[in-house]
């Protein structure tokens, strides 16, 4: 403690409330606080903290905004939580080469505000005001992923502190490279188990000339998904294509005082030149009508677009309002789009049999969808039913060639499925972890099930 105090002064806390605030995130898991919380300002300070921890064998849990939902920030073995939110400087905006260099504690909203009016934007938005370091660590994505990819596609290079305190820089500012192992992508999605990401060089994208939004109601989930699949297969470069089921649409109507038809509904967004976008809309409208859709409403005006999309952005609080006092267990499977309709329909039937409230929303352009399972954490029997529902969903997705998580990550919540999904390749992951972190100090107990 003396060495940490000498390094950080007052930017260190053992206060119980501070520790509790760093022990859960948005997770439904029980809070497990660290012993100490530290607040570095620079990569060099992070290196100093990690070096001290390595010297004494102290576990380390990196912390961004605390918005992860699979127990990523639980201090399973106590130790030190490194809160990176004071590392919130945007270090460079390079318009010529279309990148931005940020410290890991910069938030998504902060970057959006900075880029407003520049003609550029960063497309990854997980739905909460997460830090960019946390988004990289969980390989986050969101509604724009169908066109712009996920965090792994938008991080050019990064700076990280390894478990022995060594500072490394990976990648470059070039758009491509064939030089050596791709250490950037190794650390993106590693959930803090291989090191602490402190800086990121991120791709910027040009603001589209125009943006149109559309909403379309369907008689069945199958019809909505079929429209999404045809849109992707026909090469329409759609920016967003989101599915909300009838239960979620009902929740949104009540929460936001809207009057959408309470049936499976697609929310879409198109980016590009005006003539190009209007042509895309006409194509997708034609596909939708061929699968039984009735109205296809589209908007260009910004205020009307925002009102139209309000339903999608209000989805999580709308679901929570269905059952005040409940906790949210959000699932996150992803399947090949050809399997998506069957996976959702089978899951809806399972939800009905289980008797649990769980509206569905999904990024259907890439086969990713979520159940918003509402549970009473004090009701053990209901909690076990919810966990069993989630397990059946994961196994269903894996049987269809999918994954247990499209964007939320593993944390502790999905540990039990890693062997089922990865088989013998899990041994290679463990070998990498042991080679880089032989003391198992970096976010121990997360991502990789221990033998």
Protein backbone atom coordinates (compact mmCIF):
# COMPACT_ATOMS: atom_id res chain seq x y z
CA UNK A 1 0.00 0.00 0.00
CA UNK A 2 2.84 2.39 0.78
CA UNK A 3 4.30 1.97 -2.70
CA UNK A 4 0.93 2.63 -4.32
CA UNK A 5 0.37 5.70 -2.14
CA UNK A 6 3.81 7.01 -3.04
CA UNK A 7 2.96 6.60 -6.73
CA UNK A 8 -0.61 7.93 -6.72
CA UNK A 9 -1.10 10.01 -3.57
CA UNK A 10 -4.81 10.58 -2.96
CA UNK A 11 -5.82 8.80 -6.19
CA UNK A 12 -6.27 5.57 -4.26
CA UNK A 13 -9.28 4.47 -2.23
CA UNK A 14 -10.16 1.74 0.25
CA UNK A 15 -13.54 3.35 0.98
CA UNK A 16 -16.25 0.68 1.18
CA UNK A 17 -18.71 2.58 -1.04
CA UNK A 18 -16.07 3.18 -3.71
CA UNK A 19 -15.04 -0.46 -3.63
CA UNK A 20 -18.67 -1.64 -3.85
CA UNK A 21 -19.25 0.63 -6.88
CA UNK A 22 -16.40 -1.18 -8.65
CA UNK A 23 -17.51 -4.73 -7.86
CA UNK A 24 -20.53 -5.39 -10.06
CA UNK A 25 -21.02 -3.26 -13.19
CA UNK A 26 -24.38 -3.85 -14.91
CA UNK A 27 -24.16 -7.52 -14.07
CA UNK A 28 -26.87 -9.58 -12.41
CA UNK A 29 -24.05 -11.34 -10.53
CA UNK A 30 -23.49 -10.67 -6.84
CA UNK A 31 -21.14 -7.76 -6.14
CA UNK A 32 -17.55 -8.77 -5.41
CA UNK A 33 -15.55 -5.63 -4.58
CA UNK A 34 -11.79 -5.19 -4.86
CA UNK A 35 -9.61 -4.42 -1.86
CA UNK A 36 -8.30 -1.18 -3.34
CA UNK A 37 -9.35 1.11 -6.20
CA UNK A 38 -6.71 3.24 -7.96
CA UNK A 39 -7.16 6.08 -10.46
CA UNK A 40 -4.14 6.53 -12.78
CA UNK A 41 -3.74 9.41 -15.22
CA UNK A 42 -1.09 8.02 -17.57
CA UNK A 43 0.16 4.81 -19.14
CA UNK A 44 3.33 5.16 -17.04
CA UNK A 45 1.27 5.21 -13.83
CA UNK A 46 -0.60 2.10 -14.95
CA UNK A 47 2.78 0.47 -15.57
CA UNK A 48 3.89 1.43 -12.06
CA UNK A 49 0.72 0.00 -10.51
CA UNK A 50 0.99 -3.26 -12.43
CA UNK A 51 4.70 -3.59 -11.57
CA UNK A 52 3.87 -3.30 -7.86
CA UNK A 53 1.10 -5.90 -8.22
CA UNK A 54 3.46 -8.26 -10.07
CA UNK A 55 6.06 -7.83 -7.31
CA UNK A 56 3.62 -8.89 -4.58
CA UNK A 57 1.34 -11.25 -6.57
CA UNK A 58 -1.73 -9.00 -6.29
CA UNK A 59 -4.68 -9.63 -8.67
CA UNK A 60 -5.63 -6.78 -11.04
CA UNK A 61 -9.07 -5.92 -12.45
CA UNK A 62 -9.19 -3.18 -15.13
CA UNK A 63 -12.31 -0.99 -14.94
CA UNK A 64 -13.84 1.39 -17.51
CA UNK A 65 -17.37 2.72 -17.02
CA UNK A 66 -18.68 -0.41 -15.31
CA UNK A 67 -21.23 -1.13 -18.03
CA UNK A 68 -20.29 -4.74 -18.83
CA UNK A 69 -22.96 -7.29 -18.03
CA UNK A 70 -21.27 -10.69 -17.73
CA UNK A 71 -19.41 -10.06 -14.47
CA UNK A 72 -16.22 -8.80 -16.13
CA UNK A 73 -15.34 -6.46 -13.25
CA UNK A 74 -16.03 -8.77 -10.31
CA UNK A 75 -12.96 -8.93 -8.08
CA UNK A 76 -13.17 -12.70 -7.62
CA UNK A 77 -9.92 -12.76 -5.65
CA UNK A 78 -9.94 -9.25 -4.27
CA UNK A 79 -6.87 -7.28 -5.26
CA UNK A 80 -6.60 -3.94 -7.02
CA UNK A 81 -9.12 -2.38 -9.41
CA UNK A 82 -7.52 0.00 -11.92
CA UNK A 83 -10.19 2.58 -12.77
CA UNK A 84 -9.18 4.18 -16.09
CA UNK A 85 -11.84 6.89 -16.26
CA UNK A 86 -9.40 9.69 -15.45
CA UNK A 87 -7.41 8.69 -18.52
CA UNK A 88 -9.97 10.51 -20.67
CA UNK A 89 -7.92 12.62 -23.07
CA UNK A 90 -8.37 12.66 -26.85
CA UNK A 91 -4.74 12.91 -27.90
CA UNK A 92 -5.05 13.39 -31.66
CA UNK A 93 -7.69 13.72 -34.37
CA UNK A 94 -6.14 13.11 -37.80
CA UNK A 95 -8.61 13.97 -40.54
CA UNK A 96 -6.18 13.30 -43.39
CA UNK A 97 -5.53 9.70 -42.34
CA UNK A 98 -8.97 9.30 -40.72
CA UNK A 99 -8.03 8.14 -37.25
CA UNK A 100 -8.30 9.32 -33.67
CA UNK A 101 -5.89 8.56 -30.82
CA UNK A 102 -7.55 8.34 -27.40
CA UNK A 103 -6.80 7.29 -23.87
CA UNK A 104 -8.76 4.23 -22.78
CA UNK A 105 -11.05 6.16 -20.42
CA UNK A 106 -12.58 8.30 -23.16
CA UNK A 107 -16.27 7.41 -23.45
CA UNK A 108 -18.28 6.78 -26.57
CA UNK A 109 -20.47 9.86 -25.96
CA UNK A 110 -17.40 12.02 -25.31
CA UNK A 111 -15.91 11.01 -28.65
CA UNK A 112 -19.21 11.55 -30.46
CA UNK A 113 -19.42 15.10 -29.08
CA UNK A 114 -15.82 15.85 -30.04
CA UNK A 115 -16.34 14.64 -33.63
CA UNK A 116 -19.60 16.52 -34.15
CA UNK A 117 -19.22 18.92 -37.04
CA UNK A 118 -15.91 17.46 -38.25
CA UNK A 119 -17.41 15.40 -41.05
CA UNK A 120 -16.31 12.16 -39.38
CA UNK A 121 -17.78 9.71 -36.88
CA UNK A 122 -16.91 6.57 -34.97
CA UNK A 123 -19.55 3.92 -35.70
CA UNK A 124 -19.37 1.52 -32.76
CA UNK A 125 -22.14 2.15 -30.23
CA UNK A 126 -23.01 -0.55 -27.68
CA UNK A 127 -26.09 1.28 -26.36
CA UNK A 128 -24.50 2.61 -23.16
CA UNK A 129 -21.89 5.28 -22.53
CA UNK A 130 -19.04 2.79 -22.22
CA UNK A 131 -15.35 3.69 -22.31
CA UNK A 132 -13.52 2.95 -25.53
CA UNK A 133 -10.99 0.85 -23.62
CA UNK A 134 -13.78 -1.27 -22.20
CA UNK A 135 -15.41 -1.57 -25.60
CA UNK A 136 -12.12 -2.82 -27.04
CA UNK A 137 -11.61 -5.23 -24.16
CA UNK A 138 -14.98 -6.90 -24.74
CA UNK A 139 -14.85 -6.60 -28.55
CA UNK A 140 -18.10 -4.63 -28.46
CA UNK A 141 -20.25 -3.78 -31.46
CA UNK A 142 -23.87 -2.56 -31.58
CA UNK A 143 -26.42 -1.46 -34.14
CA UNK A 144 -23.96 -0.31 -36.84
CA UNK A 145 -21.95 -3.53 -36.96
CA UNK A 146 -23.76 -4.89 -40.02
CA UNK A 147 -22.08 -2.18 -42.13
CA UNK A 148 -19.10 -0.89 -40.16
CA UNK A 149 -17.95 -3.97 -38.27
CA UNK A 150 -17.13 -4.38 -34.57
CA UNK A 151 -14.35 -3.02 -32.37
CA UNK A 152 -11.91 -5.56 -33.81
CA UNK A 153 -12.42 -3.98 -37.24
CA UNK A 154 -12.00 -0.41 -36.02
CA UNK A 155 -8.92 -0.50 -33.78
CA UNK A 156 -5.77 0.20 -35.80
CA UNK A 157 -3.30 0.02 -32.93
CA UNK A 158 -3.11 0.23 -29.16
CA UNK A 159 -0.88 0.73 -26.15
CA UNK A 160 -1.10 -1.80 -23.33
CA UNK A 161 0.61 -2.60 -20.06
CA UNK A 162 1.52 -6.29 -19.75
CA UNK A 163 1.29 -8.26 -16.47
CA UNK A 164 4.94 -7.55 -15.59
CA UNK A 165 4.47 -3.78 -16.05
CA UNK A 166 6.08 -3.59 -19.49
CA UNK A 167 4.50 -1.09 -21.91
CA UNK A 168 3.96 -2.27 -25.49
CA UNK A 169 2.51 -0.67 -28.62
CA UNK A 170 0.83 -2.90 -31.18
CA UNK A 171 -0.11 -2.30 -34.81
CA UNK A 172 0.40 0.97 -36.66
CA UNK A 173 -1.54 3.83 -38.16
CA UNK A 174 -1.41 2.18 -41.59
CA UNK A 175 -4.66 0.74 -42.93
CA UNK A 176 -3.15 -2.72 -43.32
CA UNK A 177 -0.08 -4.74 -42.36
CA UNK A 178 1.33 -8.23 -42.85
CA UNK A 179 4.04 -7.84 -40.21
CA UNK A 180 4.00 -10.55 -37.54
CA UNK A 181 1.30 -11.75 -35.17
CA UNK A 182 -1.76 -9.53 -34.91
CA UNK A 183 -1.29 -8.52 -31.27
CA UNK A 184 -3.87 -5.76 -31.57
CA UNK A 185 -6.63 -8.25 -32.22
CA UNK A 186 -5.25 -10.55 -29.56
CA UNK A 187 -5.75 -7.85 -26.93
CA UNK A 188 -9.07 -6.63 -28.37
CA UNK A 189 -11.58 -8.99 -26.78
CA UNK A 190 -9.16 -10.35 -24.15
CA UNK A 191 -11.29 -8.79 -21.37
CA UNK A 192 -8.26 -7.52 -19.48
CA UNK A 193 -6.83 -11.01 -18.98
CA UNK A 194 -3.61 -10.32 -20.92
CA UNK A 195 -2.92 -6.70 -20.02
CA UNK A 196 -4.40 -3.25 -19.46
CA UNK A 197 -5.24 -1.27 -22.61
CA UNK A 198 -4.33 2.39 -22.02
CA UNK A 199 -4.48 4.03 -25.47
CA UNK A 200 -6.24 3.24 -28.75
CA UNK A 201 -5.90 4.42 -32.35
CA UNK A 202 -9.37 4.12 -33.88
CA UNK A 203 -10.58 4.34 -37.47
CA UNK A 204 -12.83 7.25 -38.33
CA UNK A 205 -15.52 7.07 -41.00
CA UNK A 206 -16.87 9.86 -43.19
CA UNK A 207 -20.28 11.19 -42.21
CA UNK A 208 -22.76 10.02 -44.86
CA UNK A 209 -24.25 12.61 -47.20
CA UNK A 210 -27.70 11.66 -46.04
CA UNK A 211 -29.33 9.35 -43.50
CA UNK A 212 -32.77 7.81 -43.84
CA UNK A 213 -34.55 5.70 -41.23
CA UNK A 214 -37.42 3.31 -41.74
CA UNK A 215 -39.74 1.12 -39.68
CA UNK A 216 -41.79 -1.82 -40.90
CA UNK A 217 -44.20 -4.17 -39.10
CA UNK A 218 -44.50 -7.86 -40.03
CA UNK A 219 -47.05 -10.61 -39.40
CA UNK A 220 -44.40 -13.01 -38.05
CA UNK A 221 -40.80 -13.13 -36.85
CA UNK A 222 -40.01 -15.40 -39.80
CA UNK A 223 -41.21 -12.74 -42.25
CA UNK A 224 -39.16 -10.00 -40.59
CA UNK A 225 -36.00 -12.12 -40.53
CA UNK A 226 -36.54 -13.25 -44.12
CA UNK A 227 -36.61 -9.60 -45.16
CA UNK A 228 -33.37 -8.94 -43.29
CA UNK A 229 -31.69 -11.98 -44.86
CA UNK A 230 -32.73 -10.99 -48.38
CA UNK A 231 -31.50 -7.44 -47.79
CA UNK A 232 -28.06 -8.74 -46.80
CA UNK A 233 -27.90 -11.39 -49.52
CA UNK A 234 -28.80 -8.86 -52.22
CA UNK A 235 -25.88 -6.69 -51.16
CA UNK A 236 -27.85 -3.69 -49.91
CA UNK A 237 -25.27 -1.78 -47.79
CA UNK A 238 -27.68 -1.12 -44.97
CA UNK A 239 -26.27 0.64 -41.88
CA UNK A 240 -28.68 -0.77 -39.28
CA UNK A 241 -31.35 -3.45 -39.30
CA UNK A 242 -32.86 -4.17 -35.90
CA UNK A 243 -35.64 -6.58 -34.90
CA UNK A 244 -37.96 -6.06 -31.94
CA UNK A 245 -40.50 -8.78 -31.17
CA UNK A 246 -44.14 -8.17 -30.27
CA UNK A 247 -43.46 -8.25 -26.52
CA UNK A 248 -40.74 -5.62 -26.84
CA UNK A 249 -42.91 -3.40 -29.04
CA UNK A 250 -45.64 -3.55 -26.39
CA UNK A 251 -43.14 -2.58 -23.69
CA UNK A 252 -41.92 0.37 -25.77
CA UNK A 253 -45.44 1.65 -26.45
CA UNK A 254 -46.18 1.73 -22.74
CA UNK A 255 -42.85 3.23 -21.72
CA UNK A 256 -42.54 5.90 -24.43
CA UNK A 257 -46.24 6.62 -25.05
CA UNK A 258 -45.97 5.46 -28.65
CA UNK A 259 -48.55 3.68 -30.76
CA UNK A 260 -46.64 1.17 -32.87
CA UNK A 261 -48.42 -2.02 -33.87
CA UNK A 262 -47.40 -4.70 -31.36
CA UNK A 263 -46.03 -7.21 -33.83
CA UNK A 264 -42.49 -8.17 -34.92
CA UNK A 265 -40.94 -4.98 -36.30
CA UNK A 266 -37.79 -4.01 -38.18
CA UNK A 267 -36.06 -0.67 -37.61
CA UNK A 268 -33.67 0.23 -40.42
CA UNK A 269 -31.18 2.95 -41.26
CA UNK A 270 -29.58 3.78 -44.63
CA UNK A 271 -26.42 5.86 -45.21
CA UNK A 272 -25.10 7.36 -48.45
CA UNK A 273 -25.87 9.73 -51.31
CA UNK A 274 -29.53 10.73 -51.63
CA UNK A 275 -30.30 8.93 -54.90
CA UNK A 276 -28.37 5.86 -53.77
CA UNK A 277 -30.18 5.67 -50.43
CA UNK A 278 -33.62 6.20 -51.91
CA UNK A 279 -32.93 3.34 -54.34
CA UNK A 280 -31.92 1.10 -51.43
CA UNK A 281 -35.10 1.97 -49.55
CA UNK A 282 -37.27 1.06 -52.52
CA UNK A 283 -35.52 -2.31 -52.81
CA UNK A 284 -35.94 -3.15 -49.13
CA UNK A 285 -39.55 -1.97 -49.18
CA UNK A 286 -40.17 -4.36 -52.08
CA UNK A 287 -38.55 -7.24 -50.14
CA UNK A 288 -40.63 -6.42 -47.06
CA UNK A 289 -43.92 -6.38 -48.96
CA UNK A 290 -43.03 -9.72 -50.58
CA UNK A 291 -42.90 -11.24 -47.09
CA UNK A 292 -46.25 -9.81 -46.00
CA UNK A 293 -45.31 -6.46 -44.45
CA UNK A 294 -47.98 -3.80 -44.50
CA UNK A 295 -46.73 -0.26 -43.93
CA UNK A 296 -43.14 0.76 -44.64
CA UNK A 297 -42.58 4.19 -43.09
CA UNK A 298 -39.36 6.08 -43.81
CA UNK A 299 -38.02 9.43 -42.69
CA UNK A 300 -35.19 11.76 -43.72
CA UNK A 301 -35.83 14.71 -41.39
CA UNK A 302 -33.49 14.42 -38.41
CA UNK A 303 -36.10 15.10 -35.72
CA UNK A 304 -38.50 12.58 -37.23
CA UNK A 305 -35.71 10.03 -37.64
CA UNK A 306 -34.83 10.36 -33.98
CA UNK A 307 -38.45 9.93 -32.97
CA UNK A 308 -38.74 6.85 -35.17
CA UNK A 309 -35.56 5.36 -33.65
CA UNK A 310 -36.63 6.29 -30.14
CA UNK A 311 -38.40 2.95 -29.89
CA UNK A 312 -35.14 1.07 -30.43
CA UNK A 313 -33.04 3.28 -28.16
CA UNK A 314 -35.63 2.97 -25.38
CA UNK A 315 -35.72 -0.83 -25.57
CA UNK A 316 -33.77 -1.66 -22.40
CA UNK A 317 -35.53 0.79 -20.04
CA UNK A 318 -38.85 -0.14 -21.65
CA UNK A 319 -38.30 -3.79 -20.80
CA UNK A 320 -37.21 -2.95 -17.25
CA UNK A 321 -40.38 -0.89 -16.75
CA UNK A 322 -42.48 -4.00 -17.36
CA UNK A 323 -41.38 -5.27 -13.97
CA UNK A 324 -40.23 -2.53 -11.58
CA UNK A 325 -37.57 -3.71 -9.17
CA UNK A 326 -36.49 -6.60 -11.39
CA UNK A 327 -32.92 -7.21 -12.49
CA UNK A 328 -32.04 -7.59 -16.14
CA UNK A 329 -30.30 -10.70 -17.41
CA UNK A 330 -29.39 -9.93 -21.01
CA UNK A 331 -28.46 -12.83 -23.27
CA UNK A 332 -26.29 -12.49 -26.37
CA UNK A 333 -26.16 -15.33 -28.89
CA UNK A 334 -25.24 -14.97 -32.54
CA UNK A 335 -26.02 -17.48 -35.29
CA UNK A 336 -25.61 -17.67 -39.08
CA UNK A 337 -28.40 -15.53 -40.52
CA UNK A 338 -29.88 -18.54 -42.31
CA UNK A 339 -30.59 -20.04 -38.87
CA UNK A 340 -31.81 -16.85 -37.21
CA UNK A 341 -35.58 -17.19 -37.70
CA UNK A 342 -35.66 -20.76 -36.40
CA UNK A 343 -33.46 -19.85 -33.45
CA UNK A 344 -35.72 -16.94 -32.45
CA UNK A 345 -38.99 -18.84 -32.94
CA UNK A 346 -37.73 -21.85 -30.97
CA UNK A 347 -36.57 -19.48 -28.24
CA UNK A 348 -39.92 -17.70 -28.10
CA UNK A 349 -41.64 -21.06 -27.60
CA UNK A 350 -39.15 -21.87 -24.85
CA UNK A 351 -39.83 -18.51 -23.14
CA UNK A 352 -43.57 -19.19 -23.20
CA UNK A 353 -43.11 -22.64 -21.63
CA UNK A 354 -40.77 -21.25 -18.99
CA UNK A 355 -43.23 -18.54 -17.92
CA UNK A 356 -40.54 -15.85 -17.68
CA UNK A 357 -40.86 -12.33 -19.03
CA UNK A 358 -38.18 -11.93 -21.74
CA UNK A 359 -38.80 -9.55 -24.67
CA UNK A 360 -36.42 -9.98 -27.64
CA UNK A 361 -34.40 -7.51 -29.67
CA UNK A 362 -31.67 -8.22 -32.16
CA UNK A 363 -29.09 -6.94 -34.61
CA UNK A 364 -30.54 -9.26 -37.20
CA UNK A 365 -28.28 -8.17 -40.05
CA UNK A 366 -25.46 -10.13 -38.44
CA UNK A 367 -27.50 -12.84 -36.68
CA UNK A 368 -27.12 -11.44 -33.15
CA UNK A 369 -30.07 -11.18 -30.75
CA UNK A 370 -30.74 -10.67 -27.05
CA UNK A 371 -33.35 -11.76 -24.54
CA UNK A 372 -34.06 -9.14 -21.90
CA UNK A 373 -34.88 -11.59 -19.11
CA UNK A 374 -36.49 -9.85 -16.15
CA UNK A 375 -35.85 -11.64 -12.87
CA UNK A 376 -36.44 -11.18 -9.17
CA UNK A 377 -32.96 -11.71 -7.73
CA UNK A 378 -34.49 -12.69 -4.39
CA UNK A 379 -36.43 -15.56 -5.98
CA UNK A 380 -33.92 -18.41 -6.28
CA UNK A 381 -36.32 -20.69 -8.12
CA UNK A 382 -37.04 -18.05 -10.77
CA UNK A 383 -33.34 -17.23 -11.07
CA UNK A 384 -32.55 -20.89 -11.74
CA UNK A 385 -35.29 -21.05 -14.39
CA UNK A 386 -33.82 -17.96 -16.05
CA UNK A 387 -30.33 -19.45 -16.06
CA UNK A 388 -31.68 -22.69 -17.51
CA UNK A 389 -33.49 -20.72 -20.24
CA UNK A 390 -30.23 -18.95 -21.09
CA UNK A 391 -28.33 -22.25 -21.17
CA UNK A 392 -30.83 -23.79 -23.58
CA UNK A 393 -30.57 -20.70 -25.77
CA UNK A 394 -26.77 -20.92 -25.87
CA UNK A 395 -26.80 -24.63 -26.66
CA UNK A 396 -29.39 -24.02 -29.37
CA UNK A 397 -27.18 -21.35 -30.94
CA UNK A 398 -24.06 -23.49 -30.77
CA UNK A 399 -25.89 -26.42 -32.38
CA UNK A 400 -26.73 -24.08 -35.28
CA UNK A 401 -23.09 -23.15 -35.81
CA UNK A 402 -23.29 -19.97 -33.74
CA UNK A 403 -21.59 -18.53 -30.68
CA UNK A 404 -22.52 -18.01 -27.03
CA UNK A 405 -21.78 -14.28 -27.30
CA UNK A 406 -21.86 -11.91 -30.24
CA UNK A 407 -20.78 -8.76 -28.40
CA UNK A 408 -21.11 -8.90 -24.60
CA UNK A 409 -18.11 -11.15 -23.98
CA UNK A 410 -17.54 -14.03 -21.58
CA UNK A 411 -16.66 -12.57 -18.16
CA UNK A 412 -17.81 -15.13 -15.64
CA UNK A 413 -21.35 -15.45 -17.00
CA UNK A 414 -20.43 -17.49 -20.08
CA UNK A 415 -17.39 -19.40 -18.78
CA UNK A 416 -19.18 -22.74 -18.79
CA UNK A 417 -19.73 -22.56 -22.58
CA UNK A 418 -16.14 -21.91 -23.65
CA UNK A 419 -15.16 -25.57 -23.83
CA UNK A 420 -18.39 -26.45 -25.62
CA UNK A 421 -17.79 -23.75 -28.24
CA UNK A 422 -14.02 -23.99 -28.68
CA UNK A 423 -13.09 -27.58 -27.83
CA UNK A 424 -9.36 -28.32 -28.01
CA UNK A 425 -8.54 -24.78 -29.16
CA UNK A 426 -9.19 -23.71 -25.57
CA UNK A 427 -5.82 -25.27 -24.71
CA UNK A 428 -4.11 -22.84 -27.10
CA UNK A 429 -5.90 -19.92 -25.43
CA UNK A 430 -4.71 -21.15 -22.04
CA UNK A 431 -1.14 -21.46 -23.36
CA UNK A 432 -1.24 -17.84 -24.55
CA UNK A 433 -2.59 -16.69 -21.19
CA UNK A 434 0.09 -18.59 -19.27
CA UNK A 435 2.89 -17.32 -21.51
CA UNK A 436 1.87 -13.67 -21.04
CA UNK A 437 0.52 -13.84 -17.47
CA UNK A 438 2.23 -16.76 -15.69
CA UNK A 439 1.11 -15.52 -12.25
CA UNK A 440 -2.52 -15.28 -13.44
CA UNK A 441 -2.87 -11.76 -12.04
CA UNK A 442 -4.77 -10.08 -14.89
CA UNK A 443 -8.53 -10.27 -14.27
CA UNK A 444 -8.25 -13.84 -12.94
CA UNK A 445 -11.22 -16.15 -13.28
CA UNK A 446 -12.59 -14.43 -16.38
CA UNK A 447 -12.79 -15.51 -20.05
CA UNK A 448 -10.99 -18.84 -19.62
CA UNK A 449 -12.37 -21.61 -17.39
CA UNK A 450 -9.63 -22.83 -15.09
CA UNK A 451 -8.56 -26.47 -15.14
